[in-house]
PDB file of N, CA and C in Angstrom:
ATOM      1  N   MET A   1      85.782-225.110 -89.715  1.00  0.00           N
ATOM      2  CA  MET A   1      84.748-226.041 -88.696  1.00  0.00           C
ATOM      3  C   MET A   1      84.398-226.906 -89.573  1.00  0.00           C
ATOM      4  N   SER A   2      83.776-228.271 -89.885  1.00  0.00           N
ATOM      5  CA  SER A   2      83.692-229.193 -91.092  1.00  0.00           C
ATOM      6  C   SER A   2      81.704-228.873 -90.770  1.00  0.00           C
ATOM      7  N   ALA A   3      81.192-229.498 -92.213  1.00  0.00           N
ATOM      8  CA  ALA A   3      79.499-229.162 -92.203  1.00  0.00           C
ATOM      9  C   ALA A   3      79.513-230.415 -91.861  1.00  0.00           C
ATOM     10  N   SER A   4      78.204-230.800 -91.141  1.00  0.00           N
ATOM     11  CA  SER A   4      77.916-232.246 -91.176  1.00  0.00           C
ATOM     12  C   SER A   4      76.375-232.379 -91.544  1.00  0.00           C
ATOM     13  N   THR A   5      75.617-233.908 -91.321  1.00  0.00           N
ATOM     14  CA  THR A   5      74.348-233.849 -92.060  1.00  0.00           C
ATOM     15  C   THR A   5      73.586-234.254 -90.766  1.00  0.00           C
ATOM     16  N   GLU A   6      72.444-234.356 -90.242  1.00  0.00           N
ATOM     17  CA  GLU A   6      71.553-235.198 -89.371  1.00  0.00           C
ATOM     18  C   GLU A   6      70.344-235.207 -89.609  1.00  0.00           C
ATOM     19  N   THR A   7      69.977-236.464 -89.546  1.00  0.00           N
ATOM     20  CA  THR A   7      68.878-237.059 -89.741  1.00  0.00           C
ATOM     21  C   THR A   7      68.172-237.060 -87.964  1.00  0.00           C
ATOM     22  N   VAL A   8      66.631-236.469 -88.699  1.00  0.00           N
ATOM     23  CA  VAL A   8      65.929-236.214 -87.582  1.00  0.00           C
ATOM     24  C   VAL A   8      64.431-236.658 -87.730  1.00  0.00           C
ATOM     25  N   GLU A   9      63.808-236.810 -86.737  1.00  0.00           N
ATOM     26  CA  GLU A   9      62.145-237.698 -87.049  1.00  0.00           C
ATOM     27  C   GLU A   9      61.441-236.012 -87.246  1.00  0.00           C
ATOM     28  N   MET A  10      60.611-235.789 -87.917  1.00  0.00           N
ATOM     29  CA  MET A  10      60.043-235.149 -88.071  1.00  0.00           C
ATOM     30  C   MET A  10      58.401-235.047 -88.270  1.00  0.00           C
ATOM     31  N   THR A  11      57.688-234.552 -86.910  1.00  0.00           N
ATOM     32  CA  THR A  11      55.734-234.558 -87.079  1.00  0.00           C
ATOM     33  C   THR A  11      55.367-233.340 -87.557  1.00  0.00           C
ATOM     34  N   ARG A  12      54.134-233.272 -87.856  1.00  0.00           N
ATOM     35  CA  ARG A  12      53.313-232.073 -87.927  1.00  0.00           C
ATOM     36  C   ARG A  12      53.336-231.936 -86.394  1.00  0.00           C
ATOM     37  N   LEU A  13      52.984-230.564 -86.365  1.00  0.00           N
ATOM     38  CA  LEU A  13      52.451-229.974 -84.879  1.00  0.00           C
ATOM     39  C   LEU A  13      50.874-230.353 -84.626  1.00  0.00           C
ATOM     40  N   ASP A  14      50.436-230.223 -85.458  1.00  0.00           N
ATOM     41  CA  ASP A  14      48.325-230.590 -85.510  1.00  0.00           C
ATOM     42  C   ASP A  14      48.542-232.212 -84.869  1.00  0.00           C
ATOM     43  N   ARG A  15      49.564-232.989 -85.534  1.00  0.00           N
ATOM     44  CA  ARG A  15      49.781-234.127 -84.795  1.00  0.00           C
ATOM     45  C   ARG A  15      49.693-234.591 -83.134  1.00  0.00           C
ATOM     46  N   VAL A  16      50.725-233.911 -82.754  1.00  0.00           N
ATOM     47  CA  VAL A  16      51.076-233.656 -81.091  1.00  0.00           C
ATOM     48  C   VAL A  16      50.642-232.776 -80.387  1.00  0.00           C
ATOM     49  N   PHE A  17      50.385-231.712 -81.121  1.00  0.00           N
ATOM     50  CA  PHE A  17      49.074-230.411 -79.971  1.00  0.00           C
ATOM     51  C   PHE A  17      48.119-231.604 -79.257  1.00  0.00           C
ATOM     52  N   PRO A  18      47.758-231.799 -79.751  1.00  0.00           N
ATOM     53  CA  PRO A  18      45.992-232.962 -78.465  1.00  0.00           C
ATOM     54  C   PRO A  18      46.320-233.678 -77.778  1.00  0.00           C
ATOM     55  N   GLN A  19      48.194-234.071 -77.471  1.00  0.00           N
ATOM     56  CA  GLN A  19      48.899-234.548 -76.910  1.00  0.00           C
ATOM     57  C   GLN A  19      49.261-233.553 -75.322  1.00  0.00           C
ATOM     58  N   VAL A  20      50.033-232.542 -76.113  1.00  0.00           N
ATOM     59  CA  VAL A  20      50.357-231.861 -75.347  1.00  0.00           C
ATOM     60  C   VAL A  20      50.076-230.351 -74.449  1.00  0.00           C
ATOM     61  N   THR A  21      48.639-230.398 -75.133  1.00  0.00           N
ATOM     62  CA  THR A  21      47.635-230.087 -74.447  1.00  0.00           C
ATOM     63  C   THR A  21      46.459-230.869 -73.913  1.00  0.00           C
ATOM     64  N   ARG A  22      46.524-231.625 -73.810  1.00  0.00           N
ATOM     65  CA  ARG A  22      45.915-232.420 -72.963  1.00  0.00           C
ATOM     66  C   ARG A  22      45.439-232.207 -71.357  1.00  0.00           C
ATOM     67  N   GLY A  23      43.809-232.001 -71.367  1.00  0.00           N
ATOM     68  CA  GLY A  23      43.729-231.931 -70.031  1.00  0.00           C
ATOM     69  C   GLY A  23      43.398-230.397 -69.357  1.00  0.00           C
ATOM     70  N   LEU A  24      43.906-229.381 -71.046  1.00  0.00           N
ATOM     71  CA  LEU A  24      43.693-228.300 -70.912  1.00  0.00           C
ATOM     72  C   LEU A  24      42.041-227.483 -71.600  1.00  0.00           C
ATOM     73  N   SER A  25      41.708-227.274 -71.091  1.00  0.00           N
ATOM     74  CA  SER A  25      39.705-226.674 -71.567  1.00  0.00           C
ATOM     75  C   SER A  25      39.987-225.612 -72.994  1.00  0.00           C
ATOM     76  N   GLU A  26      41.012-224.588 -72.486  1.00  0.00           N
ATOM     77  CA  GLU A  26      41.043-223.951 -74.056  1.00  0.00           C
ATOM     78  C   GLU A  26      42.600-223.408 -73.558  1.00  0.00           C
ATOM     79  N   PRO A  27      43.500-224.113 -74.194  1.00  0.00           N
ATOM     80  CA  PRO A  27      44.930-223.880 -74.477  1.00  0.00           C
ATOM     81  C   PRO A  27      45.278-222.716 -74.996  1.00  0.00           C
ATOM     82  N   ARG A  28      46.157-221.757 -74.241  1.00  0.00           N
ATOM     83  CA  ARG A  28      46.518-220.765 -75.071  1.00  0.00           C
ATOM     84  C   ARG A  28      48.135-221.107 -74.708  1.00  0.00           C
ATOM     85  N   VAL A  29      48.509-220.983 -76.183  1.00  0.00           N
ATOM     86  CA  VAL A  29      50.261-221.420 -76.426  1.00  0.00           C
ATOM     87  C   VAL A  29      51.475-220.281 -76.874  1.00  0.00           C
ATOM     88  N   PHE A  30      52.570-220.394 -76.039  1.00  0.00           N
ATOM     89  CA  PHE A  30      53.471-219.543 -76.372  1.00  0.00           C
ATOM     90  C   PHE A  30      54.034-220.564 -77.300  1.00  0.00           C
ATOM     91  N   LEU A  31      54.578-220.746 -78.804  1.00  0.00           N
ATOM     92  CA  LEU A  31      55.403-221.433 -79.250  1.00  0.00           C
ATOM     93  C   LEU A  31      56.917-221.037 -79.600  1.00  0.00           C
ATOM     94  N   LYS A  32      57.948-221.228 -79.364  1.00  0.00           N
ATOM     95  CA  LYS A  32      58.933-221.493 -79.538  1.00  0.00           C
ATOM     96  C   LYS A  32      60.046-222.205 -80.747  1.00  0.00           C
ATOM     97  N   LEU A  33      60.419-220.971 -81.808  1.00  0.00           N
ATOM     98  CA  LEU A  33      60.296-222.047 -83.380  1.00  0.00           C
ATOM     99  C   LEU A  33      62.176-221.471 -83.718  1.00  0.00           C
ATOM    100  N   ASP A  34      62.577-222.507 -83.675  1.00  0.00           N
ATOM    101  CA  ASP A  34      63.875-222.622 -83.318  1.00  0.00           C
ATOM    102  C   ASP A  34      64.805-224.035 -84.452  1.00  0.00           C
ATOM    103  N   THR A  35      64.160-223.732 -85.862  1.00  0.00           N
ATOM    104  CA  THR A  35      64.501-224.619 -87.019  1.00  0.00           C
ATOM    105  C   THR A  35      65.090-223.788 -88.274  1.00  0.00           C
ATOM    106  N   GLN A  36      66.201-223.296 -88.118  1.00  0.00           N
ATOM    107  CA  GLN A  36      67.343-222.995 -88.885  1.00  0.00           C
ATOM    108  C   GLN A  36      66.958-222.948 -90.170  1.00  0.00           C
ATOM    109  N   GLY A  37      65.493-221.868 -90.362  1.00  0.00           N
ATOM    110  CA  GLY A  37      65.372-221.182 -91.182  1.00  0.00           C
ATOM    111  C   GLY A  37      63.935-222.006 -92.058  1.00  0.00           C
ATOM    112  N   TYR A  38      63.055-222.564 -91.304  1.00  0.00           N
ATOM    113  CA  TYR A  38      62.218-223.645 -91.592  1.00  0.00           C
ATOM    114  C   TYR A  38      61.022-223.323 -90.840  1.00  0.00           C
ATOM    115  N   ASP A  39      61.009-222.478 -90.427  1.00  0.00           N
ATOM    116  CA  ASP A  39      59.707-221.549 -89.142  1.00  0.00           C
ATOM    117  C   ASP A  39      58.309-221.679 -90.043  1.00  0.00           C
ATOM    118  N   ILE A  40      58.826-221.218 -91.011  1.00  0.00           N
ATOM    119  CA  ILE A  40      57.299-221.691 -92.384  1.00  0.00           C
ATOM    120  C   ILE A  40      56.806-222.608 -92.072  1.00  0.00           C
ATOM    121  N   ASN A  41      57.875-223.800 -92.712  1.00  0.00           N
ATOM    122  CA  ASN A  41      57.110-224.804 -93.097  1.00  0.00           C
ATOM    123  C   ASN A  41      56.675-225.844 -91.301  1.00  0.00           C
ATOM    124  N   VAL A  42      57.330-225.299 -90.195  1.00  0.00           N
ATOM    125  CA  VAL A  42      56.537-225.748 -89.060  1.00  0.00           C
ATOM    126  C   VAL A  42      55.025-225.254 -89.299  1.00  0.00           C
ATOM    127  N   LEU A  43      54.840-224.025 -89.443  1.00  0.00           N
ATOM    128  CA  LEU A  43      53.709-223.309 -89.521  1.00  0.00           C
ATOM    129  C   LEU A  43      52.537-223.937 -90.155  1.00  0.00           C
ATOM    130  N   ASP A  44      53.316-224.251 -91.279  1.00  0.00           N
ATOM    131  CA  ASP A  44      52.515-223.950 -92.473  1.00  0.00           C
ATOM    132  C   ASP A  44      51.683-226.167 -91.852  1.00  0.00           C
ATOM    133  N   GLY A  45      52.470-227.036 -91.005  1.00  0.00           N
ATOM    134  CA  GLY A  45      51.608-227.872 -89.961  1.00  0.00           C
ATOM    135  C   GLY A  45      50.950-228.081 -88.869  1.00  0.00           C
ATOM    136  N   ALA A  46      51.058-226.391 -88.528  1.00  0.00           N
ATOM    137  CA  ALA A  46      49.954-226.294 -87.596  1.00  0.00           C
ATOM    138  C   ALA A  46      48.660-225.883 -87.575  1.00  0.00           C
ATOM    139  N   GLY A  47      48.253-225.960 -88.956  1.00  0.00           N
ATOM    140  CA  GLY A  47      46.738-225.631 -89.378  1.00  0.00           C
ATOM    141  C   GLY A  47      45.776-225.305 -87.814  1.00  0.00           C
ATOM    142  N   ASP A  48      45.396-226.362 -87.424  1.00  0.00           N
ATOM    143  CA  ASP A  48      43.962-226.957 -86.722  1.00  0.00           C
ATOM    144  C   ASP A  48      44.714-226.356 -85.410  1.00  0.00           C
ATOM    145  N   SER A  49      46.004-225.916 -85.374  1.00  0.00           N
ATOM    146  CA  SER A  49      46.581-225.925 -83.978  1.00  0.00           C
ATOM    147  C   SER A  49      47.399-224.026 -83.512  1.00  0.00           C
ATOM    148  N   LEU A  50      46.913-223.329 -84.719  1.00  0.00           N
ATOM    149  CA  LEU A  50      47.366-222.557 -84.396  1.00  0.00           C
ATOM    150  C   LEU A  50      46.661-221.640 -83.898  1.00  0.00           C
ATOM    151  N   PRO A  51      45.379-221.575 -83.992  1.00  0.00           N
ATOM    152  CA  PRO A  51      44.296-220.848 -83.331  1.00  0.00           C
ATOM    153  C   PRO A  51      44.146-220.536 -81.853  1.00  0.00           C
ATOM    154  N   PHE A  52      45.116-221.690 -81.154  1.00  0.00           N
ATOM    155  CA  PHE A  52      45.598-221.721 -79.742  1.00  0.00           C
ATOM    156  C   PHE A  52      46.927-221.108 -79.245  1.00  0.00           C
ATOM    157  N   VAL A  53      47.638-220.590 -80.585  1.00  0.00           N
ATOM    158  CA  VAL A  53      49.345-220.183 -80.535  1.00  0.00           C
ATOM    159  C   VAL A  53      48.476-218.594 -80.246  1.00  0.00           C
ATOM    160  N   THR A  54      48.995-218.334 -78.743  1.00  0.00           N
ATOM    161  CA  THR A  54      48.815-216.975 -78.771  1.00  0.00           C
ATOM    162  C   THR A  54      49.972-216.105 -78.506  1.00  0.00           C
ATOM    163  N   ALA A  55      51.198-216.441 -78.586  1.00  0.00           N
ATOM    164  CA  ALA A  55      52.526-215.857 -79.049  1.00  0.00           C
ATOM    165  C   ALA A  55      53.623-216.632 -79.641  1.00  0.00           C
ATOM    166  N   LEU A  56      54.312-216.291 -80.155  1.00  0.00           N
ATOM    167  CA  LEU A  56      55.571-217.035 -81.039  1.00  0.00           C
ATOM    168  C   LEU A  56      56.710-216.280 -80.754  1.00  0.00           C
ATOM    169  N   GLN A  57      57.776-217.181 -80.531  1.00  0.00           N
ATOM    170  CA  GLN A  57      59.091-216.424 -80.595  1.00  0.00           C
ATOM    171  C   GLN A  57      59.585-217.350 -82.478  1.00  0.00           C
ATOM    172  N   SER A  58      59.989-216.251 -83.013  1.00  0.00           N
ATOM    173  CA  SER A  58      60.630-216.584 -84.265  1.00  0.00           C
ATOM    174  C   SER A  58      62.213-216.495 -84.766  1.00  0.00           C
ATOM    175  N   GLU A  59      62.687-217.423 -84.792  1.00  0.00           N
ATOM    176  CA  GLU A  59      64.486-216.749 -85.355  1.00  0.00           C
ATOM    177  C   GLU A  59      64.758-216.019 -86.724  1.00  0.00           C
ATOM    178  N   LEU A  60      64.208-215.269 -86.980  1.00  0.00           N
ATOM    179  CA  LEU A  60      64.535-214.737 -88.867  1.00  0.00           C
ATOM    180  C   LEU A  60      65.928-214.024 -89.304  1.00  0.00           C
ATOM    181  N   SER A  61      66.857-214.754 -89.918  1.00  0.00           N
ATOM    182  CA  SER A  61      67.732-214.327 -90.270  1.00  0.00           C
ATOM    183  C   SER A  61      67.730-213.321 -91.229  1.00  0.00           C
ATOM    184  N   VAL A  62      68.223-211.890 -91.163  1.00  0.00           N
ATOM    185  CA  VAL A  62      68.776-211.247 -92.308  1.00  0.00           C
ATOM    186  C   VAL A  62      69.316-211.267 -93.368  1.00  0.00           C
ATOM    187  N   LYS A  63      70.557-212.400 -93.087  1.00  0.00           N
ATOM    188  CA  LYS A  63      71.268-212.729 -94.056  1.00  0.00           C
ATOM    189  C   LYS A  63      70.928-214.569 -93.702  1.00  0.00           C
ATOM    190  N   PRO A  64      70.576-215.068 -95.205  1.00  0.00           N
ATOM    191  CA  PRO A  64      70.321-216.579 -95.400  1.00  0.00           C
ATOM    192  C   PRO A  64      71.490-217.182 -94.715  1.00  0.00           C
ATOM    193  N   LEU A  65      71.537-218.186 -93.531  1.00  0.00           N
ATOM    194  CA  LEU A  65      72.351-219.160 -93.479  1.00  0.00           C
ATOM    195  C   LEU A  65      72.399-220.508 -93.609  1.00  0.00           C
ATOM    196  N   TYR A  66      70.972-220.865 -94.210  1.00  0.00           N
ATOM    197  CA  TYR A  66      71.323-222.257 -94.634  1.00  0.00           C
ATOM    198  C   TYR A  66      70.380-222.065 -95.992  1.00  0.00           C
ATOM    199  N   ASP A  67      70.488-223.491 -96.730  1.00  0.00           N
ATOM    200  CA  ASP A  67      70.315-223.291 -98.064  1.00  0.00           C
ATOM    201  C   ASP A  67      68.567-223.722 -97.432  1.00  0.00           C
ATOM    202  N   ASP A  68      68.010-222.681 -98.957  1.00  0.00           N
ATOM    203  CA  ASP A  68      66.183-223.218 -99.270  1.00  0.00           C
ATOM    204  C   ASP A  68      65.333-221.885 -97.702  1.00  0.00           C
ATOM    205  N   MET A  69      66.334-221.659 -97.272  1.00  0.00           N
ATOM    206  CA  MET A  69      65.504-220.891 -95.497  1.00  0.00           C
ATOM    207  C   MET A  69      64.706-220.125 -96.576  1.00  0.00           C
ATOM    208  N   THR A  70      63.748-219.695 -95.347  1.00  0.00           N
ATOM    209  CA  THR A  70      63.029-218.389 -96.231  1.00  0.00           C
ATOM    210  C   THR A  70      63.199-217.303 -95.306  1.00  0.00           C
ATOM    211  N   ASP A  71      63.201-216.581 -97.375  1.00  0.00           N
ATOM    212  CA  ASP A  71      63.329-215.344 -97.069  1.00  0.00           C
ATOM    213  C   ASP A  71      62.749-214.113 -95.135  1.00  0.00           C
ATOM    214  N   TYR A  72      63.846-213.538 -94.721  1.00  0.00           N
ATOM    215  CA  TYR A  72      62.733-213.019 -93.271  1.00  0.00           C
ATOM    216  C   TYR A  72      61.780-212.331 -93.131  1.00  0.00           C
ATOM    217  N   LEU A  73      61.915-211.209 -95.146  1.00  0.00           N
ATOM    218  CA  LEU A  73      60.851-210.449 -94.759  1.00  0.00           C
ATOM    219  C   LEU A  73      59.415-211.340 -95.710  1.00  0.00           C
ATOM    220  N   HIS A  74      59.957-212.072 -96.613  1.00  0.00           N
ATOM    221  CA  HIS A  74      59.021-213.311 -96.638  1.00  0.00           C
ATOM    222  C   HIS A  74      58.165-214.204 -95.303  1.00  0.00           C
ATOM    223  N   ALA A  75      58.727-214.302 -94.076  1.00  0.00           N
ATOM    224  CA  ALA A  75      58.262-214.417 -92.857  1.00  0.00           C
ATOM    225  C   ALA A  75      57.807-214.099 -91.661  1.00  0.00           C
ATOM    226  N   MET A  76      57.808-212.603 -92.152  1.00  0.00           N
ATOM    227  CA  MET A  76      57.451-211.383 -91.835  1.00  0.00           C
ATOM    228  C   MET A  76      56.087-211.096 -91.903  1.00  0.00           C
ATOM    229  N   SER A  77      55.750-211.479 -93.621  1.00  0.00           N
ATOM    230  CA  SER A  77      55.182-211.061 -93.829  1.00  0.00           C
ATOM    231  C   SER A  77      53.782-212.173 -93.843  1.00  0.00           C
ATOM    232  N   TYR A  78      54.197-213.475 -93.756  1.00  0.00           N
ATOM    233  CA  TYR A  78      53.452-214.820 -93.337  1.00  0.00           C
ATOM    234  C   TYR A  78      52.949-214.817 -92.034  1.00  0.00           C
ATOM    235  N   LEU A  79      53.848-214.084 -91.309  1.00  0.00           N
ATOM    236  CA  LEU A  79      53.423-214.391 -89.669  1.00  0.00           C
ATOM    237  C   LEU A  79      51.848-213.417 -89.412  1.00  0.00           C
ATOM    238  N   ASN A  80      51.986-212.350 -90.437  1.00  0.00           N
ATOM    239  CA  ASN A  80      50.859-211.009 -90.122  1.00  0.00           C
ATOM    240  C   ASN A  80      50.019-211.506 -91.100  1.00  0.00           C
ATOM    241  N   ARG A  81      49.888-212.025 -92.328  1.00  0.00           N
ATOM    242  CA  ARG A  81      48.936-213.248 -92.343  1.00  0.00           C
ATOM    243  C   ARG A  81      48.139-213.999 -91.728  1.00  0.00           C
ATOM    244  N   LYS A  82      48.964-214.487 -90.918  1.00  0.00           N
ATOM    245  CA  LYS A  82      48.060-215.164 -89.786  1.00  0.00           C
ATOM    246  C   LYS A  82      47.239-214.680 -88.348  1.00  0.00           C
ATOM    247  N   GLY A  83      48.171-213.287 -88.759  1.00  0.00           N
ATOM    248  CA  GLY A  83      47.524-213.016 -87.039  1.00  0.00           C
ATOM    249  C   GLY A  83      48.375-212.476 -86.181  1.00  0.00           C
ATOM    250  N   PHE A  84      49.777-212.716 -86.414  1.00  0.00           N
ATOM    251  CA  PHE A  84      50.787-212.347 -85.761  1.00  0.00           C
ATOM    252  C   PHE A  84      51.568-210.895 -85.977  1.00  0.00           C
ATOM    253  N   GLU A  85      51.856-210.249 -84.834  1.00  0.00           N
ATOM    254  CA  GLU A  85      52.622-208.912 -84.834  1.00  0.00           C
ATOM    255  C   GLU A  85      53.861-208.897 -84.027  1.00  0.00           C
ATOM    256  N   PRO A  86      55.027-208.297 -84.548  1.00  0.00           N
ATOM    257  CA  PRO A  86      56.053-208.478 -84.222  1.00  0.00           C
ATOM    258  C   PRO A  86      55.832-207.263 -82.602  1.00  0.00           C
ATOM    259  N   THR A  87      56.655-207.901 -81.453  1.00  0.00           N
ATOM    260  CA  THR A  87      56.498-207.418 -80.151  1.00  0.00           C
ATOM    261  C   THR A  87      57.789-207.010 -79.948  1.00  0.00           C
ATOM    262  N   GLY A  88      58.961-207.048 -80.992  1.00  0.00           N
ATOM    263  CA  GLY A  88      60.429-206.908 -80.486  1.00  0.00           C
ATOM    264  C   GLY A  88      61.523-207.530 -81.704  1.00  0.00           C
ATOM    265  N   VAL A  89      62.454-206.785 -81.735  1.00  0.00           N
ATOM    266  CA  VAL A  89      63.410-207.312 -82.931  1.00  0.00           C
ATOM    267  C   VAL A  89      64.651-207.087 -82.227  1.00  0.00           C
ATOM    268  N   PHE A  90      65.571-208.218 -81.856  1.00  0.00           N
ATOM    269  CA  PHE A  90      66.393-208.410 -81.289  1.00  0.00           C
ATOM    270  C   PHE A  90      67.761-209.410 -81.810  1.00  0.00           C
ATOM    271  N   PRO A  91      68.755-208.453 -81.343  1.00  0.00           N
ATOM    272  CA  PRO A  91      70.169-209.350 -82.493  1.00  0.00           C
ATOM    273  C   PRO A  91      70.409-210.573 -81.638  1.00  0.00           C
ATOM    274  N   VAL A  92      71.091-211.993 -82.862  1.00  0.00           N
ATOM    275  CA  VAL A  92      70.906-212.398 -81.541  1.00  0.00           C
ATOM    276  C   VAL A  92      72.953-213.107 -81.948  1.00  0.00           C
ATOM    277  N   GLY A  93      73.097-212.840 -83.212  1.00  0.00           N
ATOM    278  CA  GLY A  93      74.739-212.829 -83.854  1.00  0.00           C
ATOM    279  C   GLY A  93      75.533-211.919 -83.409  1.00  0.00           C
ATOM    280  N   GLY A  94      76.673-212.016 -83.229  1.00  0.00           N
ATOM    281  CA  GLY A  94      77.620-210.695 -83.241  1.00  0.00           C
ATOM    282  C   GLY A  94      77.910-209.795 -84.071  1.00  0.00           C
ATOM    283  N   CYS A  95      78.120-208.443 -83.746  1.00  0.00           N
ATOM    284  CA  CYS A  95      77.797-207.285 -84.815  1.00  0.00           C
ATOM    285  C   CYS A  95      78.734-207.009 -85.629  1.00  0.00           C
ATOM    286  N   ASP A  96      80.307-207.858 -85.879  1.00  0.00           N
ATOM    287  CA  ASP A  96      81.564-207.627 -86.384  1.00  0.00           C
ATOM    288  C   ASP A  96      80.988-207.338 -88.223  1.00  0.00           C
ATOM    289  N   GLY A  97      80.213-207.719 -88.404  1.00  0.00           N
ATOM    290  CA  GLY A  97      79.977-207.446 -90.048  1.00  0.00           C
ATOM    291  C   GLY A  97      80.065-208.926 -90.513  1.00  0.00           C
ATOM    292  N   ALA A  98      80.238-210.136 -90.008  1.00  0.00           N
ATOM    293  CA  ALA A  98      80.955-210.910 -90.407  1.00  0.00           C
ATOM    294  C   ALA A  98      79.793-211.754 -91.256  1.00  0.00           C
TER     295      ALA A  98
END
């Protein structure tokens, strides 16, 4: 398999949050993060919106899969400081030791 590079547009969650929650007087949001190791960066861009996130799902890899990705222990500590705690831990990849 060969590696490739994709260019994507990035926008802070705080910028789009008012639009996606328009019409909700008290939004209670479930935030699913799938950012290839950059979940902390996304949450850093959610400053004013984060209090409306009542639950989130994050994929934290025990083994680093991407360059410069956040270590899972650091990510769990960060999430805890933001008021989130784990409700479950589930394997995503195979268990073949690879």
